[in-house]
């Protein structure tokens, strides 16, 4: 009887530990899937923009309106409260700055430059994590980051031009604010959904007037509707949900799929062609993202031990 009383609490504690670890694993998988969905929707922008002849600022303003409706609808449906504090407002500012700076950089420098330089965001995340939390990336994350950078360089090596210094600097600055977006849910008082929702309202109010001189054809309207509802609205909804489930650096590494998938979709519909080097770069990036998302040897060993203990 004594043995049974001493073993019961350990069994209960083990079952509780199993459920806790299983919950973390499920959240991690959900986070990866949400980020993949967000990246695919983000990547659709390159193709849809081919069908819209509006100026970039007008596009950002009106698509923010449709995105605001999606995020606002989610907030109402889930009865979620919109937070209002310094961290949230800084996140909203980061959203407006990121989207606006990236569009401006595309006007001033080569598109390849702008995309590659904005992807400095994982580096910014590493620096911010070290400065704010004294945390360094794991060896696996560091290796994945280096592989992704190599793949991106291969993919855009034909499109990289001398560009314009001001445009390049704006793209790098956009990458910094992009990094902040990934860290919103990890900042004290931060709430990514509230920040994006407020940021979209601000972007709409500031940039929508640029659309007054644009042509409101059916094709343009359909393009803006897709960009706002899916490429911004649902994409940032998945983005915001994901950033609370997995590490910001891991999330930013997954988004490296976006600049690869973006021109691949454009090429698929015949607007551009991909070289062999570009395809190699795409394979490197996708392979690195998948490898980084898989559990490590230690994690697998821990899962096997928990499974044996539960049986």
C-alpha atoms as a PDB file:
ATOM      1  CA  UNK A   1       0.000   0.000   0.000  1.00  0.00           C
ATOM      2  CA  UNK A   2       2.840   2.337   0.798  1.00  0.00           C
ATOM      3  CA  UNK A   3       4.417   1.795  -2.618  1.00  0.00           C
ATOM      4  CA  UNK A   4       1.167   2.497  -4.391  1.00  0.00           C
ATOM      5  CA  UNK A   5       0.671   5.764  -2.538  1.00  0.00           C
ATOM      6  CA  UNK A   6       4.190   6.972  -3.337  1.00  0.00           C
ATOM      7  CA  UNK A   7       3.964   6.013  -7.026  1.00  0.00           C
ATOM      8  CA  UNK A   8       0.563   7.560  -7.742  1.00  0.00           C
ATOM      9  CA  UNK A   9       1.679  11.202  -7.522  1.00  0.00           C
ATOM     10  CA  UNK A  10       4.639  10.472  -9.853  1.00  0.00           C
ATOM     11  CA  UNK A  11       2.291   8.884 -12.386  1.00  0.00           C
ATOM     12  CA  UNK A  12      -0.074  11.821 -12.240  1.00  0.00           C
ATOM     13  CA  UNK A  13       2.846  14.227 -12.542  1.00  0.00           C
ATOM     14  CA  UNK A  14       4.208  12.302 -15.568  1.00  0.00           C
ATOM     15  CA  UNK A  15       0.832  12.347 -17.305  1.00  0.00           C
ATOM     16  CA  UNK A  16       0.552  16.074 -16.655  1.00  0.00           C
ATOM     17  CA  UNK A  17       4.069  16.575 -18.066  1.00  0.00           C
ATOM     18  CA  UNK A  18       3.181  14.519 -21.161  1.00  0.00           C
ATOM     19  CA  UNK A  19       0.093  16.611 -21.805  1.00  0.00           C
ATOM     20  CA  UNK A  20       2.057  19.822 -21.305  1.00  0.00           C
ATOM     21  CA  UNK A  21       4.823  18.798 -23.739  1.00  0.00           C
ATOM     22  CA  UNK A  22       2.244  17.510 -26.224  1.00  0.00           C
ATOM     23  CA  UNK A  23       0.468  20.867 -26.031  1.00  0.00           C
ATOM     24  CA  UNK A  24       3.711  22.711 -26.747  1.00  0.00           C
ATOM     25  CA  UNK A  25       4.411  20.441 -29.733  1.00  0.00           C
ATOM     26  CA  UNK A  26       0.914  21.025 -31.141  1.00  0.00           C
ATOM     27  CA  UNK A  27       1.275  24.795 -30.766  1.00  0.00           C
ATOM     28  CA  UNK A  28       4.656  24.655 -32.492  1.00  0.00           C
ATOM     29  CA  UNK A  29       3.194  22.782 -35.474  1.00  0.00           C
ATOM     30  CA  UNK A  30       0.271  25.235 -35.640  1.00  0.00           C
ATOM     31  CA  UNK A  31       2.737  28.111 -35.584  1.00  0.00           C
ATOM     32  CA  UNK A  32       4.728  26.685 -38.484  1.00  0.00           C
ATOM     33  CA  UNK A  33       1.576  26.044 -40.544  1.00  0.00           C
ATOM     34  CA  UNK A  34       0.264  29.563 -39.852  1.00  0.00           C
ATOM     35  CA  UNK A  35       3.587  31.088 -40.923  1.00  0.00           C
ATOM     36  CA  UNK A  36       3.668  28.975 -44.094  1.00  0.00           C
ATOM     37  CA  UNK A  37       0.122  30.103 -44.930  1.00  0.00           C
ATOM     38  CA  UNK A  38       1.057  33.739 -44.277  1.00  0.00           C
ATOM     39  CA  UNK A  39       4.189  33.456 -46.443  1.00  0.00           C
ATOM     40  CA  UNK A  40       2.257  31.931 -49.360  1.00  0.00           C
ATOM     41  CA  UNK A  41      -0.349  34.702 -49.203  1.00  0.00           C
ATOM     42  CA  UNK A  42       2.356  37.371 -48.942  1.00  0.00           C
ATOM     43  CA  UNK A  43       4.043  35.830 -51.993  1.00  0.00           C
ATOM     44  CA  UNK A  44       0.894  36.191 -54.123  1.00  0.00           C
ATOM     45  CA  UNK A  45       1.463  39.959 -54.165  1.00  0.00           C
ATOM     46  CA  UNK A  46       4.101  39.889 -56.897  1.00  0.00           C
ATOM     47  CA  UNK A  47       1.770  38.209 -59.369  1.00  0.00           C
ATOM     48  CA  UNK A  48      -1.359  40.220 -58.530  1.00  0.00           C
ATOM     49  CA  UNK A  49       0.568  43.499 -58.708  1.00  0.00           C
ATOM     50  CA  UNK A  50       1.290  42.700 -62.371  1.00  0.00           C
ATOM     51  CA  UNK A  51      -2.424  43.226 -63.027  1.00  0.00           C
ATOM     52  CA  UNK A  52      -2.704  46.589 -61.232  1.00  0.00           C
ATOM     53  CA  UNK A  53      -1.418  49.883 -62.657  1.00  0.00           C
ATOM     54  CA  UNK A  54      -1.855  51.985 -59.486  1.00  0.00           C
ATOM     55  CA  UNK A  55       1.027  53.800 -57.819  1.00  0.00           C
ATOM     56  CA  UNK A  56       2.500  51.913 -54.816  1.00  0.00           C
ATOM     57  CA  UNK A  57       1.333  54.346 -52.109  1.00  0.00           C
ATOM     58  CA  UNK A  58      -2.265  54.174 -53.349  1.00  0.00           C
ATOM     59  CA  UNK A  59      -2.086  50.380 -53.362  1.00  0.00           C
ATOM     60  CA  UNK A  60      -0.802  50.319 -49.773  1.00  0.00           C
ATOM     61  CA  UNK A  61      -3.552  52.682 -48.656  1.00  0.00           C
ATOM     62  CA  UNK A  62      -6.542  50.905 -50.201  1.00  0.00           C
ATOM     63  CA  UNK A  63      -5.309  47.371 -49.513  1.00  0.00           C
ATOM     64  CA  UNK A  64      -4.934  48.422 -45.864  1.00  0.00           C
ATOM     65  CA  UNK A  65      -8.662  49.235 -45.885  1.00  0.00           C
ATOM     66  CA  UNK A  66      -9.599  45.690 -46.955  1.00  0.00           C
ATOM     67  CA  UNK A  67      -7.030  44.230 -44.581  1.00  0.00           C
ATOM     68  CA  UNK A  68      -8.520  46.327 -41.786  1.00  0.00           C
ATOM     69  CA  UNK A  69     -11.945  44.790 -42.498  1.00  0.00           C
ATOM     70  CA  UNK A  70     -10.537  41.240 -42.227  1.00  0.00           C
ATOM     71  CA  UNK A  71      -8.593  41.875 -39.008  1.00  0.00           C
ATOM     72  CA  UNK A  72     -11.475  43.916 -37.566  1.00  0.00           C
ATOM     73  CA  UNK A  73     -13.929  41.122 -38.422  1.00  0.00           C
ATOM     74  CA  UNK A  74     -11.728  38.602 -36.609  1.00  0.00           C
ATOM     75  CA  UNK A  75     -11.536  40.876 -33.569  1.00  0.00           C
ATOM     76  CA  UNK A  76     -15.335  41.239 -33.467  1.00  0.00           C
ATOM     77  CA  UNK A  77     -15.990  37.525 -34.069  1.00  0.00           C
ATOM     78  CA  UNK A  78     -13.617  36.436 -31.282  1.00  0.00           C
ATOM     79  CA  UNK A  79     -14.660  39.343 -29.021  1.00  0.00           C
ATOM     80  CA  UNK A  80     -11.013  40.199 -28.658  1.00  0.00           C
ATOM     81  CA  UNK A  81     -10.185  43.552 -27.095  1.00  0.00           C
ATOM     82  CA  UNK A  82      -7.916  45.907 -29.007  1.00  0.00           C
ATOM     83  CA  UNK A  83      -5.066  46.846 -26.715  1.00  0.00           C
ATOM     84  CA  UNK A  84      -3.846  50.408 -26.500  1.00  0.00           C
ATOM     85  CA  UNK A  85      -0.439  50.964 -24.934  1.00  0.00           C
ATOM     86  CA  UNK A  86       3.061  52.080 -25.880  1.00  0.00           C
ATOM     87  CA  UNK A  87       4.139  48.646 -27.122  1.00  0.00           C
ATOM     88  CA  UNK A  88       1.046  48.284 -29.332  1.00  0.00           C
ATOM     89  CA  UNK A  89       1.408  51.790 -30.742  1.00  0.00           C
ATOM     90  CA  UNK A  90       5.084  51.166 -31.486  1.00  0.00           C
ATOM     91  CA  UNK A  91       4.024  47.996 -33.300  1.00  0.00           C
ATOM     92  CA  UNK A  92       1.446  49.963 -35.314  1.00  0.00           C
ATOM     93  CA  UNK A  93       4.114  52.506 -36.238  1.00  0.00           C
ATOM     94  CA  UNK A  94       6.432  49.634 -37.240  1.00  0.00           C
ATOM     95  CA  UNK A  95       3.745  48.189 -39.528  1.00  0.00           C
ATOM     96  CA  UNK A  96       3.172  51.489 -41.337  1.00  0.00           C
ATOM     97  CA  UNK A  97       6.904  52.166 -41.542  1.00  0.00           C
ATOM     98  CA  UNK A  98       7.721  48.667 -42.822  1.00  0.00           C
ATOM     99  CA  UNK A  99       5.113  48.625 -45.604  1.00  0.00           C
ATOM    100  CA  UNK A 100       5.694  52.231 -46.676  1.00  0.00           C
ATOM    101  CA  UNK A 101       9.511  52.067 -46.622  1.00  0.00           C
ATOM    102  CA  UNK A 102       9.481  48.842 -48.639  1.00  0.00           C
ATOM    103  CA  UNK A 103       7.227  50.353 -51.294  1.00  0.00           C
ATOM    104  CA  UNK A 104       9.371  53.478 -51.486  1.00  0.00           C
ATOM    105  CA  UNK A 105      12.561  51.407 -51.731  1.00  0.00           C
ATOM    106  CA  UNK A 106      11.049  49.560 -54.699  1.00  0.00           C
ATOM    107  CA  UNK A 107      10.616  52.918 -56.431  1.00  0.00           C
ATOM    108  CA  UNK A 108      14.210  54.012 -55.755  1.00  0.00           C
ATOM    109  CA  UNK A 109      16.244  50.840 -56.239  1.00  0.00           C
ATOM    110  CA  UNK A 110      16.066  47.530 -58.068  1.00  0.00           C
ATOM    111  CA  UNK A 111      13.300  45.213 -56.897  1.00  0.00           C
ATOM    112  CA  UNK A 112      15.852  42.447 -56.273  1.00  0.00           C
ATOM    113  CA  UNK A 113      17.845  44.767 -54.023  1.00  0.00           C
ATOM    114  CA  UNK A 114      14.746  45.743 -52.055  1.00  0.00           C
ATOM    115  CA  UNK A 115      13.657  42.135 -51.437  1.00  0.00           C
ATOM    116  CA  UNK A 116      17.129  40.880 -50.502  1.00  0.00           C
ATOM    117  CA  UNK A 117      17.864  43.793 -48.186  1.00  0.00           C
ATOM    118  CA  UNK A 118      14.496  43.562 -46.418  1.00  0.00           C
ATOM    119  CA  UNK A 119      15.397  39.964 -45.642  1.00  0.00           C
ATOM    120  CA  UNK A 120      18.009  41.321 -43.257  1.00  0.00           C
ATOM    121  CA  UNK A 121      15.199  40.959 -40.683  1.00  0.00           C
ATOM    122  CA  UNK A 122      16.539  37.668 -39.196  1.00  0.00           C
ATOM    123  CA  UNK A 123      19.838  39.440 -38.529  1.00  0.00           C
ATOM    124  CA  UNK A 124      17.963  42.283 -36.820  1.00  0.00           C
ATOM    125  CA  UNK A 125      16.041  39.737 -34.732  1.00  0.00           C
ATOM    126  CA  UNK A 126      19.317  38.170 -33.575  1.00  0.00           C
ATOM    127  CA  UNK A 127      20.676  41.616 -32.628  1.00  0.00           C
ATOM    128  CA  UNK A 128      17.461  42.690 -30.876  1.00  0.00           C
ATOM    129  CA  UNK A 129      17.251  39.417 -28.940  1.00  0.00           C
ATOM    130  CA  UNK A 130      20.831  39.874 -27.786  1.00  0.00           C
ATOM    131  CA  UNK A 131      20.416  43.553 -26.838  1.00  0.00           C
ATOM    132  CA  UNK A 132      17.036  43.149 -25.122  1.00  0.00           C
ATOM    133  CA  UNK A 133      17.201  39.618 -23.703  1.00  0.00           C
ATOM    134  CA  UNK A 134      20.905  38.625 -23.936  1.00  0.00           C
ATOM    135  CA  UNK A 135      19.887  35.601 -26.047  1.00  0.00           C
ATOM    136  CA  UNK A 136      21.864  34.132 -28.945  1.00  0.00           C
ATOM    137  CA  UNK A 137      20.504  31.838 -31.689  1.00  0.00           C
ATOM    138  CA  UNK A 138      21.136  28.097 -31.517  1.00  0.00           C
ATOM    139  CA  UNK A 139      23.736  26.473 -33.758  1.00  0.00           C
ATOM    140  CA  UNK A 140      20.948  24.993 -35.871  1.00  0.00           C
ATOM    141  CA  UNK A 141      19.256  28.395 -36.316  1.00  0.00           C
ATOM    142  CA  UNK A 142      22.599  30.007 -37.191  1.00  0.00           C
ATOM    143  CA  UNK A 143      23.310  27.335 -39.803  1.00  0.00           C
ATOM    144  CA  UNK A 144      19.807  27.657 -41.257  1.00  0.00           C
ATOM    145  CA  UNK A 145      20.194  31.435 -41.415  1.00  0.00           C
ATOM    146  CA  UNK A 146      23.484  31.143 -43.319  1.00  0.00           C
ATOM    147  CA  UNK A 147      21.992  28.609 -45.746  1.00  0.00           C
ATOM    148  CA  UNK A 148      18.978  30.827 -46.383  1.00  0.00           C
ATOM    149  CA  UNK A 149      21.200  33.836 -47.066  1.00  0.00           C
ATOM    150  CA  UNK A 150      23.242  31.753 -49.533  1.00  0.00           C
ATOM    151  CA  UNK A 151      20.072  30.567 -51.260  1.00  0.00           C
ATOM    152  CA  UNK A 152      18.672  34.066 -51.552  1.00  0.00           C
ATOM    153  CA  UNK A 153      21.936  35.371 -52.987  1.00  0.00           C
ATOM    154  CA  UNK A 154      21.869  32.579 -55.582  1.00  0.00           C
ATOM    155  CA  UNK A 155      18.237  33.288 -56.414  1.00  0.00           C
ATOM    156  CA  UNK A 156      18.639  37.017 -56.945  1.00  0.00           C
ATOM    157  CA  UNK A 157      22.207  37.145 -58.255  1.00  0.00           C
ATOM    158  CA  UNK A 158      20.965  38.000 -61.756  1.00  0.00           C
ATOM    159  CA  UNK A 159      18.608  40.720 -60.528  1.00  0.00           C
ATOM    160  CA  UNK A 160      20.971  42.425 -58.101  1.00  0.00           C
ATOM    161  CA  UNK A 161      22.163  45.679 -59.629  1.00  0.00           C
ATOM    162  CA  UNK A 162      24.025  48.684 -58.341  1.00  0.00           C
ATOM    163  CA  UNK A 163      20.666  50.221 -57.430  1.00  0.00           C
ATOM    164  CA  UNK A 164      20.326  53.455 -55.544  1.00  0.00           C
ATOM    165  CA  UNK A 165      21.954  54.034 -52.158  1.00  0.00           C
ATOM    166  CA  UNK A 166      18.919  55.792 -50.689  1.00  0.00           C
ATOM    167  CA  UNK A 167      16.612  52.990 -51.864  1.00  0.00           C
ATOM    168  CA  UNK A 168      18.957  50.330 -50.453  1.00  0.00           C
ATOM    169  CA  UNK A 169      19.082  52.081 -47.069  1.00  0.00           C
ATOM    170  CA  UNK A 170      15.268  52.321 -46.988  1.00  0.00           C
ATOM    171  CA  UNK A 171      15.029  48.576 -47.702  1.00  0.00           C
ATOM    172  CA  UNK A 172      17.415  47.788 -44.837  1.00  0.00           C
ATOM    173  CA  UNK A 173      15.407  50.053 -42.529  1.00  0.00           C
ATOM    174  CA  UNK A 174      12.244  48.266 -43.679  1.00  0.00           C
ATOM    175  CA  UNK A 175      13.936  45.008 -42.654  1.00  0.00           C
ATOM    176  CA  UNK A 176      14.444  46.399 -39.142  1.00  0.00           C
ATOM    177  CA  UNK A 177      10.743  47.207 -38.726  1.00  0.00           C
ATOM    178  CA  UNK A 178       9.892  43.809 -40.228  1.00  0.00           C
ATOM    179  CA  UNK A 179      11.978  42.249 -37.440  1.00  0.00           C
ATOM    180  CA  UNK A 180      10.021  44.272 -34.869  1.00  0.00           C
ATOM    181  CA  UNK A 181       6.788  42.843 -36.306  1.00  0.00           C
ATOM    182  CA  UNK A 182       8.004  39.310 -35.579  1.00  0.00           C
ATOM    183  CA  UNK A 183       8.772  40.236 -31.972  1.00  0.00           C
ATOM    184  CA  UNK A 184       5.532  42.059 -31.123  1.00  0.00           C
ATOM    185  CA  UNK A 185       4.023  39.173 -29.149  1.00  0.00           C
ATOM    186  CA  UNK A 186       7.240  38.659 -27.192  1.00  0.00           C
ATOM    187  CA  UNK A 187       7.501  42.310 -26.100  1.00  0.00           C
ATOM    188  CA  UNK A 188       5.957  43.127 -22.730  1.00  0.00           C
ATOM    189  CA  UNK A 189       2.486  44.582 -23.337  1.00  0.00           C
ATOM    190  CA  UNK A 190       2.704  43.792 -27.052  1.00  0.00           C
ATOM    191  CA  UNK A 191      -0.182  42.437 -29.120  1.00  0.00           C
ATOM    192  CA  UNK A 192       0.481  41.814 -32.794  1.00  0.00           C
ATOM    193  CA  UNK A 193      -3.152  41.797 -33.916  1.00  0.00           C
ATOM    194  CA  UNK A 194      -3.886  45.114 -32.199  1.00  0.00           C
ATOM    195  CA  UNK A 195      -0.746  46.659 -33.721  1.00  0.00           C
ATOM    196  CA  UNK A 196      -1.542  45.481 -37.257  1.00  0.00           C
ATOM    197  CA  UNK A 197      -5.189  46.572 -36.971  1.00  0.00           C
ATOM    198  CA  UNK A 198      -4.271  50.062 -35.770  1.00  0.00           C
ATOM    199  CA  UNK A 199      -1.438  50.253 -38.313  1.00  0.00           C
ATOM    200  CA  UNK A 200      -3.803  49.423 -41.166  1.00  0.00           C
ATOM    201  CA  UNK A 201      -6.219  52.141 -40.055  1.00  0.00           C
ATOM    202  CA  UNK A 202      -3.363  54.666 -40.009  1.00  0.00           C
ATOM    203  CA  UNK A 203      -2.019  53.489 -43.395  1.00  0.00           C
ATOM    204  CA  UNK A 204      -5.491  53.796 -44.927  1.00  0.00           C
ATOM    205  CA  UNK A 205      -6.034  57.322 -43.584  1.00  0.00           C
ATOM    206  CA  UNK A 206      -2.586  58.512 -44.673  1.00  0.00           C
ATOM    207  CA  UNK A 207      -2.257  56.821 -48.068  1.00  0.00           C
ATOM    208  CA  UNK A 208      -5.780  56.315 -49.417  1.00  0.00           C
ATOM    209  CA  UNK A 209      -5.915  59.877 -50.862  1.00  0.00           C
ATOM    210  CA  UNK A 210      -3.230  58.820 -53.371  1.00  0.00           C
ATOM    211  CA  UNK A 211      -5.877  56.589 -55.021  1.00  0.00           C
ATOM    212  CA  UNK A 212      -8.067  59.536 -56.032  1.00  0.00           C
ATOM    213  CA  UNK A 213      -6.121  59.978 -59.259  1.00  0.00           C
ATOM    214  CA  UNK A 214      -6.010  56.232 -60.035  1.00  0.00           C
ATOM    215  CA  UNK A 215      -8.120  54.302 -62.539  1.00  0.00           C
ATOM    216  CA  UNK A 216     -10.849  52.252 -60.815  1.00  0.00           C
ATOM    217  CA  UNK A 217     -11.254  49.563 -63.474  1.00  0.00           C
ATOM    218  CA  UNK A 218     -12.654  46.122 -62.646  1.00  0.00           C
ATOM    219  CA  UNK A 219      -9.197  44.602 -63.050  1.00  0.00           C
ATOM    220  CA  UNK A 220      -7.579  47.142 -60.729  1.00  0.00           C
ATOM    221  CA  UNK A 221     -10.347  46.799 -58.138  1.00  0.00           C
ATOM    222  CA  UNK A 222     -10.149  42.977 -58.215  1.00  0.00           C
ATOM    223  CA  UNK A 223      -6.377  43.167 -57.773  1.00  0.00           C
ATOM    224  CA  UNK A 224      -6.617  45.570 -54.831  1.00  0.00           C
ATOM    225  CA  UNK A 225      -9.385  43.455 -53.277  1.00  0.00           C
ATOM    226  CA  UNK A 226      -7.164  40.360 -53.382  1.00  0.00           C
ATOM    227  CA  UNK A 227      -4.138  42.275 -52.098  1.00  0.00           C
ATOM    228  CA  UNK A 228      -6.090  43.753 -49.209  1.00  0.00           C
ATOM    229  CA  UNK A 229      -8.271  40.790 -48.255  1.00  0.00           C
ATOM    230  CA  UNK A 230      -5.825  37.915 -48.718  1.00  0.00           C
ATOM    231  CA  UNK A 231      -2.283  39.192 -49.322  1.00  0.00           C
ATOM    232  CA  UNK A 232      -2.574  41.609 -46.363  1.00  0.00           C
ATOM    233  CA  UNK A 233      -5.709  40.751 -44.348  1.00  0.00           C
ATOM    234  CA  UNK A 234      -5.631  36.977 -43.914  1.00  0.00           C
ATOM    235  CA  UNK A 235      -1.843  36.866 -44.313  1.00  0.00           C
ATOM    236  CA  UNK A 236      -1.287  39.189 -41.354  1.00  0.00           C
ATOM    237  CA  UNK A 237      -3.996  37.370 -39.395  1.00  0.00           C
ATOM    238  CA  UNK A 238      -2.011  34.129 -39.762  1.00  0.00           C
ATOM    239  CA  UNK A 239       1.176  36.112 -39.115  1.00  0.00           C
ATOM    240  CA  UNK A 240      -0.143  37.560 -35.843  1.00  0.00           C
ATOM    241  CA  UNK A 241      -1.485  34.213 -34.615  1.00  0.00           C
ATOM    242  CA  UNK A 242       1.810  32.513 -35.423  1.00  0.00           C
ATOM    243  CA  UNK A 243       4.138  34.966 -33.692  1.00  0.00           C
ATOM    244  CA  UNK A 244       2.763  33.896 -30.318  1.00  0.00           C
ATOM    245  CA  UNK A 245       3.385  30.191 -31.000  1.00  0.00           C
ATOM    246  CA  UNK A 246       6.982  29.906 -32.235  1.00  0.00           C
ATOM    247  CA  UNK A 247      10.246  31.782 -31.765  1.00  0.00           C
ATOM    248  CA  UNK A 248      10.512  35.057 -33.753  1.00  0.00           C
ATOM    249  CA  UNK A 249      13.780  33.969 -35.409  1.00  0.00           C
ATOM    250  CA  UNK A 250      12.290  30.647 -36.521  1.00  0.00           C
ATOM    251  CA  UNK A 251       9.270  32.508 -37.896  1.00  0.00           C
ATOM    252  CA  UNK A 252      11.471  34.907 -39.858  1.00  0.00           C
ATOM    253  CA  UNK A 253      13.435  31.993 -41.319  1.00  0.00           C
ATOM    254  CA  UNK A 254      10.199  30.411 -42.567  1.00  0.00           C
ATOM    255  CA  UNK A 255       9.242  33.665 -44.326  1.00  0.00           C
ATOM    256  CA  UNK A 256      12.324  33.240 -46.511  1.00  0.00           C
ATOM    257  CA  UNK A 257       9.984  31.126 -48.649  1.00  0.00           C
ATOM    258  CA  UNK A 258       8.097  34.299 -49.620  1.00  0.00           C
ATOM    259  CA  UNK A 259      10.745  35.985 -51.813  1.00  0.00           C
ATOM    260  CA  UNK A 260      11.367  32.644 -53.501  1.00  0.00           C
ATOM    261  CA  UNK A 261       7.722  31.759 -54.133  1.00  0.00           C
ATOM    262  CA  UNK A 262       6.867  35.307 -55.230  1.00  0.00           C
ATOM    263  CA  UNK A 263       8.888  35.342 -58.497  1.00  0.00           C
ATOM    264  CA  UNK A 264       8.198  31.639 -59.054  1.00  0.00           C
ATOM    265  CA  UNK A 265       4.459  32.416 -59.262  1.00  0.00           C
ATOM    266  CA  UNK A 266       5.209  35.320 -61.598  1.00  0.00           C
ATOM    267  CA  UNK A 267       7.284  33.006 -63.793  1.00  0.00           C
ATOM    268  CA  UNK A 268       4.603  30.303 -63.724  1.00  0.00           C
ATOM    269  CA  UNK A 269       2.128  32.718 -65.319  1.00  0.00           C
ATOM    270  CA  UNK A 270       4.655  33.727 -67.984  1.00  0.00           C
ATOM    271  CA  UNK A 271       5.614  37.207 -66.785  1.00  0.00           C
ATOM    272  CA  UNK A 272       9.252  36.282 -66.020  1.00  0.00           C
ATOM    273  CA  UNK A 273      11.683  33.391 -66.449  1.00  0.00           C
ATOM    274  CA  UNK A 274      13.758  31.607 -63.809  1.00  0.00           C
ATOM    275  CA  UNK A 275      17.371  30.586 -64.398  1.00  0.00           C
ATOM    276  CA  UNK A 276      18.989  27.368 -63.192  1.00  0.00           C
ATOM    277  CA  UNK A 277      20.810  29.289 -60.467  1.00  0.00           C
ATOM    278  CA  UNK A 278      17.514  30.687 -59.232  1.00  0.00           C
ATOM    279  CA  UNK A 279      16.063  27.185 -58.951  1.00  0.00           C
ATOM    280  CA  UNK A 280      19.132  26.050 -56.994  1.00  0.00           C
ATOM    281  CA  UNK A 281      18.682  29.005 -54.648  1.00  0.00           C
ATOM    282  CA  UNK A 282      15.020  28.152 -54.185  1.00  0.00           C
ATOM    283  CA  UNK A 283      15.887  24.544 -53.309  1.00  0.00           C
ATOM    284  CA  UNK A 284      18.477  25.712 -50.741  1.00  0.00           C
ATOM    285  CA  UNK A 285      16.048  28.104 -49.043  1.00  0.00           C
ATOM    286  CA  UNK A 286      13.124  25.667 -48.923  1.00  0.00           C
ATOM    287  CA  UNK A 287      15.411  22.868 -47.724  1.00  0.00           C
ATOM    288  CA  UNK A 288      16.873  25.049 -44.965  1.00  0.00           C
ATOM    289  CA  UNK A 289      13.413  26.150 -43.800  1.00  0.00           C
ATOM    290  CA  UNK A 290      12.137  22.553 -43.674  1.00  0.00           C
ATOM    291  CA  UNK A 291      15.276  21.359 -41.883  1.00  0.00           C
ATOM    292  CA  UNK A 292      15.068  24.148 -39.307  1.00  0.00           C
ATOM    293  CA  UNK A 293      11.389  23.353 -38.658  1.00  0.00           C
ATOM    294  CA  UNK A 294      12.075  19.673 -37.933  1.00  0.00           C
ATOM    295  CA  UNK A 295      12.730  18.654 -34.303  1.00  0.00           C
ATOM    296  CA  UNK A 296      16.385  18.185 -33.351  1.00  0.00           C
ATOM    297  CA  UNK A 297      17.895  14.900 -32.202  1.00  0.00           C
ATOM    298  CA  UNK A 298      17.538  15.883 -28.555  1.00  0.00           C
ATOM    299  CA  UNK A 299      13.890  16.818 -29.042  1.00  0.00           C
ATOM    300  CA  UNK A 300      13.168  13.487 -30.778  1.00  0.00           C
ATOM    301  CA  UNK A 301      14.944  11.592 -27.987  1.00  0.00           C
ATOM    302  CA  UNK A 302      12.911  13.477 -25.388  1.00  0.00           C
ATOM    303  CA  UNK A 303       9.663  12.687 -27.204  1.00  0.00           C
ATOM    304  CA  UNK A 304      10.560   8.945 -27.354  1.00  0.00           C
ATOM    305  CA  UNK A 305      11.350   8.894 -23.620  1.00  0.00           C
ATOM    306  CA  UNK A 306       8.043  10.586 -22.812  1.00  0.00           C
ATOM    307  CA  UNK A 307       6.194   8.088 -25.013  1.00  0.00           C
ATOM    308  CA  UNK A 308       7.846   5.140 -23.232  1.00  0.00           C
ATOM    309  CA  UNK A 309       7.096   6.659 -19.821  1.00  0.00           C
ATOM    310  CA  UNK A 310       3.425   7.184 -20.683  1.00  0.00           C
ATOM    311  CA  UNK A 311       3.107   3.585 -21.862  1.00  0.00           C
END
